[in-house]
Amino acid sequence: DEALGVLRGVGAALPLPLLLVSHREIFGWAL
């Protein structure tokens, strides 16, 4: 959670588009 918040800030600062994917989206389950 915290690291993804930092990552969103990095994307905004650079600025770069940010694609967030999750295990749930890809595999249908979370770790």
PDB file of all heavy atoms in Angstrom:
ATOM      1  N   ASP A   1       0.801  -1.208   0.000  1.00  0.00           N
ATOM      2  CA  ASP A   1       0.000   0.000   0.000  1.00  0.00           C
ATOM      3  C   ASP A   1       0.844   1.272   0.000  1.00  0.00           C
ATOM      4  O   ASP A   1       0.661   2.155  -0.840  1.00  0.00           O
ATOM      5  CB  ASP A   1      -0.961   0.012   1.196  1.00  0.00           C
ATOM      6  CG  ASP A   1      -1.920  -1.163   1.163  1.00  0.00           C
ATOM      7  OD1 ASP A   1      -2.176  -1.687   0.071  1.00  0.00           O
ATOM      8  OD2 ASP A   1      -2.396  -1.566   2.241  1.00  0.00           O
ATOM      9  N   GLU A   2       1.789   1.369   0.930  1.00  0.00           N
ATOM     10  CA  GLU A   2       2.623   2.567   1.028  1.00  0.00           C
ATOM     11  C   GLU A   2       3.509   2.722  -0.213  1.00  0.00           C
ATOM     12  O   GLU A   2       3.624   3.808  -0.775  1.00  0.00           O
ATOM     13  CB  GLU A   2       3.489   2.513   2.293  1.00  0.00           C
ATOM     14  CG  GLU A   2       4.321   3.768   2.489  1.00  0.00           C
ATOM     15  CD  GLU A   2       5.145   3.713   3.771  1.00  0.00           C
ATOM     16  OE1 GLU A   2       4.874   2.863   4.648  1.00  0.00           O
ATOM     17  OE2 GLU A   2       6.073   4.528   3.874  1.00  0.00           O
ATOM     18  N   ALA A   3       4.129   1.623  -0.650  1.00  0.00           N
ATOM     19  CA  ALA A   3       5.023   1.693  -1.814  1.00  0.00           C
ATOM     20  C   ALA A   3       4.252   2.069  -3.080  1.00  0.00           C
ATOM     21  O   ALA A   3       4.770   2.813  -3.918  1.00  0.00           O
ATOM     22  CB  ALA A   3       5.739   0.363  -2.002  1.00  0.00           C
ATOM     23  N   LEU A   4       3.020   1.567  -3.233  1.00  0.00           N
ATOM     24  CA  LEU A   4       2.231   1.934  -4.410  1.00  0.00           C
ATOM     25  C   LEU A   4       1.852   3.413  -4.366  1.00  0.00           C
ATOM     26  O   LEU A   4       1.788   4.077  -5.411  1.00  0.00           O
ATOM     27  CB  LEU A   4       0.989   1.054  -4.535  1.00  0.00           C
ATOM     28  CG  LEU A   4       1.275  -0.398  -4.913  1.00  0.00           C
ATOM     29  CD1 LEU A   4      -0.009  -1.222  -4.881  1.00  0.00           C
ATOM     30  CD2 LEU A   4       1.943  -0.511  -6.262  1.00  0.00           C
ATOM     31  N   GLY A   5       1.632   3.952  -3.162  1.00  0.00           N
ATOM     32  CA  GLY A   5       1.389   5.391  -3.012  1.00  0.00           C
ATOM     33  C   GLY A   5       2.611   6.194  -3.443  1.00  0.00           C
ATOM     34  O   GLY A   5       2.490   7.206  -4.151  1.00  0.00           O
ATOM     35  N   VAL A   6       3.799   5.734  -3.034  1.00  0.00           N
ATOM     36  CA  VAL A   6       5.043   6.381  -3.455  1.00  0.00           C
ATOM     37  C   VAL A   6       5.176   6.296  -4.973  1.00  0.00           C
ATOM     38  O   VAL A   6       5.541   7.264  -5.638  1.00  0.00           O
ATOM     39  CB  VAL A   6       6.266   5.732  -2.760  1.00  0.00           C
ATOM     40  CG1 VAL A   6       7.569   6.204  -3.375  1.00  0.00           C
ATOM     41  CG2 VAL A   6       6.239   6.015  -1.273  1.00  0.00           C
ATOM     42  N   LEU A   7       4.868   5.142  -5.536  1.00  0.00           N
ATOM     43  CA  LEU A   7       4.971   4.938  -6.979  1.00  0.00           C
ATOM     44  C   LEU A   7       4.043   5.882  -7.739  1.00  0.00           C
ATOM     45  O   LEU A   7       4.427   6.430  -8.780  1.00  0.00           O
ATOM     46  CB  LEU A   7       4.661   3.479  -7.320  1.00  0.00           C
ATOM     47  CG  LEU A   7       4.905   3.044  -8.743  1.00  0.00           C
ATOM     48  CD1 LEU A   7       6.325   3.347  -9.192  1.00  0.00           C
ATOM     49  CD2 LEU A   7       4.609   1.553  -8.878  1.00  0.00           C
ATOM     50  N   ARG A   8       2.859   6.099  -7.220  1.00  0.00           N
ATOM     51  CA  ARG A   8       1.941   7.059  -7.852  1.00  0.00           C
ATOM     52  C   ARG A   8       2.569   8.460  -7.857  1.00  0.00           C
ATOM     53  O   ARG A   8       2.477   9.191  -8.836  1.00  0.00           O
ATOM     54  CB  ARG A   8       0.596   7.070  -7.123  1.00  0.00           C
ATOM     55  CG  ARG A   8      -0.239   5.847  -7.395  1.00  0.00           C
ATOM     56  CD  ARG A   8      -1.597   5.925  -6.668  1.00  0.00           C
ATOM     57  NE  ARG A   8      -2.360   4.728  -6.889  1.00  0.00           N
ATOM     58  CZ  ARG A   8      -2.375   3.681  -6.065  1.00  0.00           C
ATOM     59  NH1 ARG A   8      -1.673   3.706  -4.935  1.00  0.00           N
ATOM     60  NH2 ARG A   8      -3.094   2.621  -6.353  1.00  0.00           N
ATOM     61  N   GLY A   9       3.232   8.810  -6.743  1.00  0.00           N
ATOM     62  CA  GLY A   9       3.909  10.108  -6.665  1.00  0.00           C
ATOM     63  C   GLY A   9       5.065  10.215  -7.642  1.00  0.00           C
ATOM     64  O   GLY A   9       5.282  11.265  -8.248  1.00  0.00           O
ATOM     65  N   VAL A  10       5.818   9.131  -7.815  1.00  0.00           N
ATOM     66  CA  VAL A  10       6.926   9.109  -8.772  1.00  0.00           C
ATOM     67  C   VAL A  10       6.386   9.325 -10.180  1.00  0.00           C
ATOM     68  O   VAL A  10       6.918  10.119 -10.958  1.00  0.00           O
ATOM     69  CB  VAL A  10       7.721   7.777  -8.682  1.00  0.00           C
ATOM     70  CG1 VAL A  10       8.709   7.646  -9.830  1.00  0.00           C
ATOM     71  CG2 VAL A  10       8.437   7.681  -7.348  1.00  0.00           C
ATOM     72  N   GLY A  11       5.314   8.617 -10.511  1.00  0.00           N
ATOM     73  CA  GLY A  11       4.705   8.767 -11.837  1.00  0.00           C
ATOM     74  C   GLY A  11       4.251  10.194 -12.088  1.00  0.00           C
ATOM     75  O   GLY A  11       4.456  10.733 -13.179  1.00  0.00           O
ATOM     76  N   ALA A  12       3.653  10.820 -11.095  1.00  0.00           N
ATOM     77  CA  ALA A  12       3.192  12.201 -11.241  1.00  0.00           C
ATOM     78  C   ALA A  12       4.363  13.169 -11.354  1.00  0.00           C
ATOM     79  O   ALA A  12       4.314  14.138 -12.115  1.00  0.00           O
ATOM     80  CB  ALA A  12       2.298  12.580 -10.058  1.00  0.00           C
ATOM     81  N   ALA A  13       5.439  12.924 -10.616  1.00  0.00           N
ATOM     82  CA  ALA A  13       6.583  13.837 -10.592  1.00  0.00           C
ATOM     83  C   ALA A  13       7.402  13.786 -11.875  1.00  0.00           C
ATOM     84  O   ALA A  13       7.972  14.795 -12.283  1.00  0.00           O
ATOM     85  CB  ALA A  13       7.474  13.516  -9.387  1.00  0.00           C
ATOM     86  N   LEU A  14       7.499  12.654 -12.513  1.00  0.00           N
ATOM     87  CA  LEU A  14       8.425  12.536 -13.648  1.00  0.00           C
ATOM     88  C   LEU A  14       7.989  13.264 -14.921  1.00  0.00           C
ATOM     89  O   LEU A  14       8.882  13.738 -15.634  1.00  0.00           O
ATOM     90  CB  LEU A  14       8.721  11.066 -13.932  1.00  0.00           C
ATOM     91  CG  LEU A  14       9.637  10.418 -12.898  1.00  0.00           C
ATOM     92  CD1 LEU A  14       9.828   8.947 -13.174  1.00  0.00           C
ATOM     93  CD2 LEU A  14      10.976  11.120 -12.833  1.00  0.00           C
ATOM     94  N   PRO A  15       6.877  13.461 -15.360  1.00  0.00           N
ATOM     95  CA  PRO A  15       5.667  12.660 -15.243  1.00  0.00           C
ATOM     96  C   PRO A  15       5.707  11.484 -16.226  1.00  0.00           C
ATOM     97  O   PRO A  15       6.138  11.633 -17.366  1.00  0.00           O
ATOM     98  CB  PRO A  15       4.558  13.620 -15.633  1.00  0.00           C
ATOM     99  CG  PRO A  15       5.198  14.558 -16.599  1.00  0.00           C
ATOM    100  CD  PRO A  15       6.652  14.647 -16.194  1.00  0.00           C
ATOM    101  N   LEU A  16       5.255  10.347 -15.739  1.00  0.00           N
ATOM    102  CA  LEU A  16       5.157   9.146 -16.567  1.00  0.00           C
ATOM    103  C   LEU A  16       3.809   8.487 -16.306  1.00  0.00           C
ATOM    104  O   LEU A  16       3.327   8.493 -15.171  1.00  0.00           O
ATOM    105  CB  LEU A  16       6.255   8.133 -16.211  1.00  0.00           C
ATOM    106  CG  LEU A  16       7.682   8.436 -16.624  1.00  0.00           C
ATOM    107  CD1 LEU A  16       8.614   7.330 -16.130  1.00  0.00           C
ATOM    108  CD2 LEU A  16       7.796   8.587 -18.122  1.00  0.00           C
ATOM    109  N   PRO A  17       3.228   7.897 -17.339  1.00  0.00           N
ATOM    110  CA  PRO A  17       2.007   7.126 -17.090  1.00  0.00           C
ATOM    111  C   PRO A  17       2.329   5.927 -16.206  1.00  0.00           C
ATOM    112  O   PRO A  17       3.421   5.376 -16.273  1.00  0.00           O
ATOM    113  CB  PRO A  17       1.559   6.679 -18.481  1.00  0.00           C
ATOM    114  CG  PRO A  17       2.690   6.933 -19.395  1.00  0.00           C
ATOM    115  CD  PRO A  17       3.631   7.894 -18.735  1.00  0.00           C
ATOM    116  N   LEU A  18       1.373   5.561 -15.381  1.00  0.00           N
ATOM    117  CA  LEU A  18       1.552   4.449 -14.459  1.00  0.00           C
ATOM    118  C   LEU A  18       0.489   3.396 -14.725  1.00  0.00           C
ATOM    119  O   LEU A  18      -0.706   3.688 -14.705  1.00  0.00           O
ATOM    120  CB  LEU A  18       1.442   4.939 -13.012  1.00  0.00           C
ATOM    121  CG  LEU A  18       1.417   3.874 -11.917  1.00  0.00           C
ATOM    122  CD1 LEU A  18       2.693   3.040 -11.921  1.00  0.00           C
ATOM    123  CD2 LEU A  18       1.192   4.517 -10.555  1.00  0.00           C
ATOM    124  N   LEU A  19       0.941   2.181 -14.983  1.00  0.00           N
ATOM    125  CA  LEU A  19       0.045   1.047 -15.146  1.00  0.00           C
ATOM    126  C   LEU A  19       0.199   0.164 -13.920  1.00  0.00           C
ATOM    127  O   LEU A  19       1.291  -0.324 -13.639  1.00  0.00           O
ATOM    128  CB  LEU A  19       0.402   0.250 -16.405  1.00  0.00           C
ATOM    129  CG  LEU A  19      -0.343  -1.078 -16.591  1.00  0.00           C
ATOM    130  CD1 LEU A  19      -1.842  -0.835 -16.757  1.00  0.00           C
ATOM    131  CD2 LEU A  19       0.217  -1.835 -17.776  1.00  0.00           C
ATOM    132  N   LEU A  20      -0.890   0.012 -13.167  1.00  0.00           N
ATOM    133  CA  LEU A  20      -0.882  -0.869 -12.013  1.00  0.00           C
ATOM    134  C   LEU A  20      -1.648  -2.133 -12.379  1.00  0.00           C
ATOM    135  O   LEU A  20      -2.774  -2.067 -12.853  1.00  0.00           O
ATOM    136  CB  LEU A  20      -1.547  -0.206 -10.808  1.00  0.00           C
ATOM    137  CG  LEU A  20      -0.766   0.907 -10.141  1.00  0.00           C
ATOM    138  CD1 LEU A  20      -1.576   1.537  -9.009  1.00  0.00           C
ATOM    139  CD2 LEU A  20       0.555   0.398  -9.602  1.00  0.00           C
ATOM    140  N   VAL A  21      -1.013  -3.261 -12.181  1.00  0.00           N
ATOM    141  CA  VAL A  21      -1.665  -4.550 -12.410  1.00  0.00           C
ATOM    142  C   VAL A  21      -1.671  -5.313 -11.099  1.00  0.00           C
ATOM    143  O   VAL A  21      -0.871  -5.034 -10.208  1.00  0.00           O
ATOM    144  CB  VAL A  21      -0.957  -5.375 -13.515  1.00  0.00           C
ATOM    145  CG1 VAL A  21      -1.031  -4.663 -14.854  1.00  0.00           C
ATOM    146  CG2 VAL A  21       0.485  -5.671 -13.150  1.00  0.00           C
ATOM    147  N   SER A  22      -2.560  -6.256 -11.000  1.00  0.00           N
ATOM    148  CA  SER A  22      -2.625  -7.041  -9.770  1.00  0.00           C
ATOM    149  C   SER A  22      -2.705  -8.517 -10.105  1.00  0.00           C
ATOM    150  O   SER A  22      -3.130  -8.911 -11.193  1.00  0.00           O
ATOM    151  CB  SER A  22      -3.844  -6.630  -8.935  1.00  0.00           C
ATOM    152  OG  SER A  22      -5.027  -7.085  -9.546  1.00  0.00           O
ATOM    153  N   HIS A  23      -2.291  -9.308  -9.154  1.00  0.00           N
ATOM    154  CA  HIS A  23      -2.410 -10.756  -9.305  1.00  0.00           C
ATOM    155  C   HIS A  23      -3.867 -11.136  -9.518  1.00  0.00           C
ATOM    156  O   HIS A  23      -4.174 -12.027 -10.297  1.00  0.00           O
ATOM    157  CB  HIS A  23      -1.851 -11.465  -8.066  1.00  0.00           C
ATOM    158  CG  HIS A  23      -0.400 -11.774  -8.178  1.00  0.00           C
ATOM    159  ND1 HIS A  23       0.054 -13.029  -8.365  1.00  0.00           N
ATOM    160  CD2 HIS A  23       0.687 -10.973  -8.137  1.00  0.00           C
ATOM    161  CE1 HIS A  23       1.376 -13.008  -8.431  1.00  0.00           C
ATOM    162  NE2 HIS A  23       1.773 -11.772  -8.291  1.00  0.00           N
ATOM    163  N   ARG A  24      -4.766 -10.453  -8.822  1.00  0.00           N
ATOM    164  CA  ARG A  24      -6.184 -10.768  -8.964  1.00  0.00           C
ATOM    165  C   ARG A  24      -6.636 -10.548 -10.405  1.00  0.00           C
ATOM    166  O   ARG A  24      -7.336 -11.387 -10.973  1.00  0.00           O
ATOM    167  CB  ARG A  24      -7.026  -9.936  -8.015  1.00  0.00           C
ATOM    168  CG  ARG A  24      -8.519 -10.224  -8.194  1.00  0.00           C
ATOM    169  CD  ARG A  24      -9.372  -9.664  -7.096  1.00  0.00           C
ATOM    170  NE  ARG A  24      -9.039 -10.131  -5.768  1.00  0.00           N
ATOM    171  CZ  ARG A  24      -9.241 -11.354  -5.298  1.00  0.00           C
ATOM    172  NH1 ARG A  24      -9.764 -12.265  -6.071  1.00  0.00           N
ATOM    173  NH2 ARG A  24      -8.922 -11.663  -4.066  1.00  0.00           N
ATOM    174  N   GLU A  25      -6.229  -9.436 -11.019  1.00  0.00           N
ATOM    175  CA  GLU A  25      -6.611  -9.160 -12.416  1.00  0.00           C
ATOM    176  C   GLU A  25      -6.026 -10.193 -13.376  1.00  0.00           C
ATOM    177  O   GLU A  25      -6.680 -10.618 -14.319  1.00  0.00           O
ATOM    178  CB  GLU A  25      -6.118  -7.774 -12.841  1.00  0.00           C
ATOM    179  CG  GLU A  25      -6.785  -6.623 -12.141  1.00  0.00           C
ATOM    180  CD  GLU A  25      -6.060  -5.302 -12.393  1.00  0.00           C
ATOM    181  OE1 GLU A  25      -4.891  -5.300 -12.818  1.00  0.00           O
ATOM    182  OE2 GLU A  25      -6.688  -4.272 -12.145  1.00  0.00           O
ATOM    183  N   ILE A  26      -4.791 -10.582 -13.142  1.00  0.00           N
ATOM    184  CA  ILE A  26      -4.091 -11.461 -14.075  1.00  0.00           C
ATOM    185  C   ILE A  26      -4.437 -12.932 -13.852  1.00  0.00           C
ATOM    186  O   ILE A  26      -4.717 -13.664 -14.800  1.00  0.00           O
ATOM    187  CB  ILE A  26      -2.569 -11.247 -13.969  1.00  0.00           C
ATOM    188  CG1 ILE A  26      -2.221  -9.826 -14.401  1.00  0.00           C
ATOM    189  CG2 ILE A  26      -1.813 -12.258 -14.818  1.00  0.00           C
ATOM    190  CD1 ILE A  26      -0.801  -9.421 -14.102  1.00  0.00           C
ATOM    191  N   PHE A  27      -4.414 -13.358 -12.585  1.00  0.00           N
ATOM    192  CA  PHE A  27      -4.566 -14.776 -12.275  1.00  0.00           C
ATOM    193  C   PHE A  27      -5.908 -15.148 -11.656  1.00  0.00           C
ATOM    194  O   PHE A  27      -6.226 -16.324 -11.540  1.00  0.00           O
ATOM    195  CB  PHE A  27      -3.449 -15.237 -11.323  1.00  0.00           C
ATOM    196  CG  PHE A  27      -2.078 -15.057 -11.900  1.00  0.00           C
ATOM    197  CD1 PHE A  27      -1.207 -14.129 -11.363  1.00  0.00           C
ATOM    198  CD2 PHE A  27      -1.648 -15.807 -12.983  1.00  0.00           C
ATOM    199  CE1 PHE A  27       0.062 -13.954 -11.882  1.00  0.00           C
ATOM    200  CE2 PHE A  27      -0.386 -15.644 -13.509  1.00  0.00           C
ATOM    201  CZ  PHE A  27       0.472 -14.709 -12.963  1.00  0.00           C
ATOM    202  N   GLY A  28      -6.655 -14.136 -11.178  1.00  0.00           N
ATOM    203  CA  GLY A  28      -7.931 -14.429 -10.549  1.00  0.00           C
ATOM    204  C   GLY A  28      -7.842 -14.649  -9.053  1.00  0.00           C
ATOM    205  O   GLY A  28      -8.833 -14.971  -8.414  1.00  0.00           O
ATOM    206  N   TRP A  29      -6.651 -14.477  -8.451  1.00  0.00           N
ATOM    207  CA  TRP A  29      -6.467 -14.629  -7.013  1.00  0.00           C
ATOM    208  C   TRP A  29      -5.331 -13.735  -6.544  1.00  0.00           C
ATOM    209  O   TRP A  29      -4.446 -13.394  -7.309  1.00  0.00           O
ATOM    210  CB  TRP A  29      -6.186 -16.082  -6.616  1.00  0.00           C
ATOM    211  CG  TRP A  29      -5.210 -16.793  -7.514  1.00  0.00           C
ATOM    212  CD1 TRP A  29      -5.534 -17.629  -8.540  1.00  0.00           C
ATOM    213  CD2 TRP A  29      -3.784 -16.702  -7.509  1.00  0.00           C
ATOM    214  NE1 TRP A  29      -4.384 -18.061  -9.170  1.00  0.00           N
ATOM    215  CE2 TRP A  29      -3.288 -17.519  -8.556  1.00  0.00           C
ATOM    216  CE3 TRP A  29      -2.857 -16.018  -6.725  1.00  0.00           C
ATOM    217  CZ2 TRP A  29      -1.940 -17.673  -8.839  1.00  0.00           C
ATOM    218  CZ3 TRP A  29      -1.502 -16.166  -7.016  1.00  0.00           C
ATOM    219  CH2 TRP A  29      -1.068 -16.995  -8.052  1.00  0.00           C
ATOM    220  N   ALA A  30      -5.410 -13.341  -5.286  1.00  0.00           N
ATOM    221  CA  ALA A  30      -4.352 -12.547  -4.660  1.00  0.00           C
ATOM    222  C   ALA A  30      -3.465 -13.490  -3.854  1.00  0.00           C
ATOM    223  O   ALA A  30      -3.882 -14.581  -3.471  1.00  0.00           O
ATOM    224  CB  ALA A  30      -4.959 -11.482  -3.753  1.00  0.00           C
ATOM    225  N   LEU A  31      -2.244 -13.077  -3.600  1.00  0.00           N
ATOM    226  CA  LEU A  31      -1.321 -13.941  -2.859  1.00  0.00           C
ATOM    227  C   LEU A  31      -1.801 -14.239  -1.447  1.00  0.00           C
ATOM    228  O   LEU A  31      -1.538 -15.316  -0.916  1.00  0.00           O
ATOM    229  CB  LEU A  31       0.076 -13.338  -2.831  1.00  0.00           C
ATOM    230  CG  LEU A  31       0.824 -13.358  -4.162  1.00  0.00           C
ATOM    231  CD1 LEU A  31       2.222 -12.800  -4.002  1.00  0.00           C
ATOM    232  CD2 LEU A  31       0.881 -14.750  -4.744  1.00  0.00           C
TER     233      LEU A  31
END
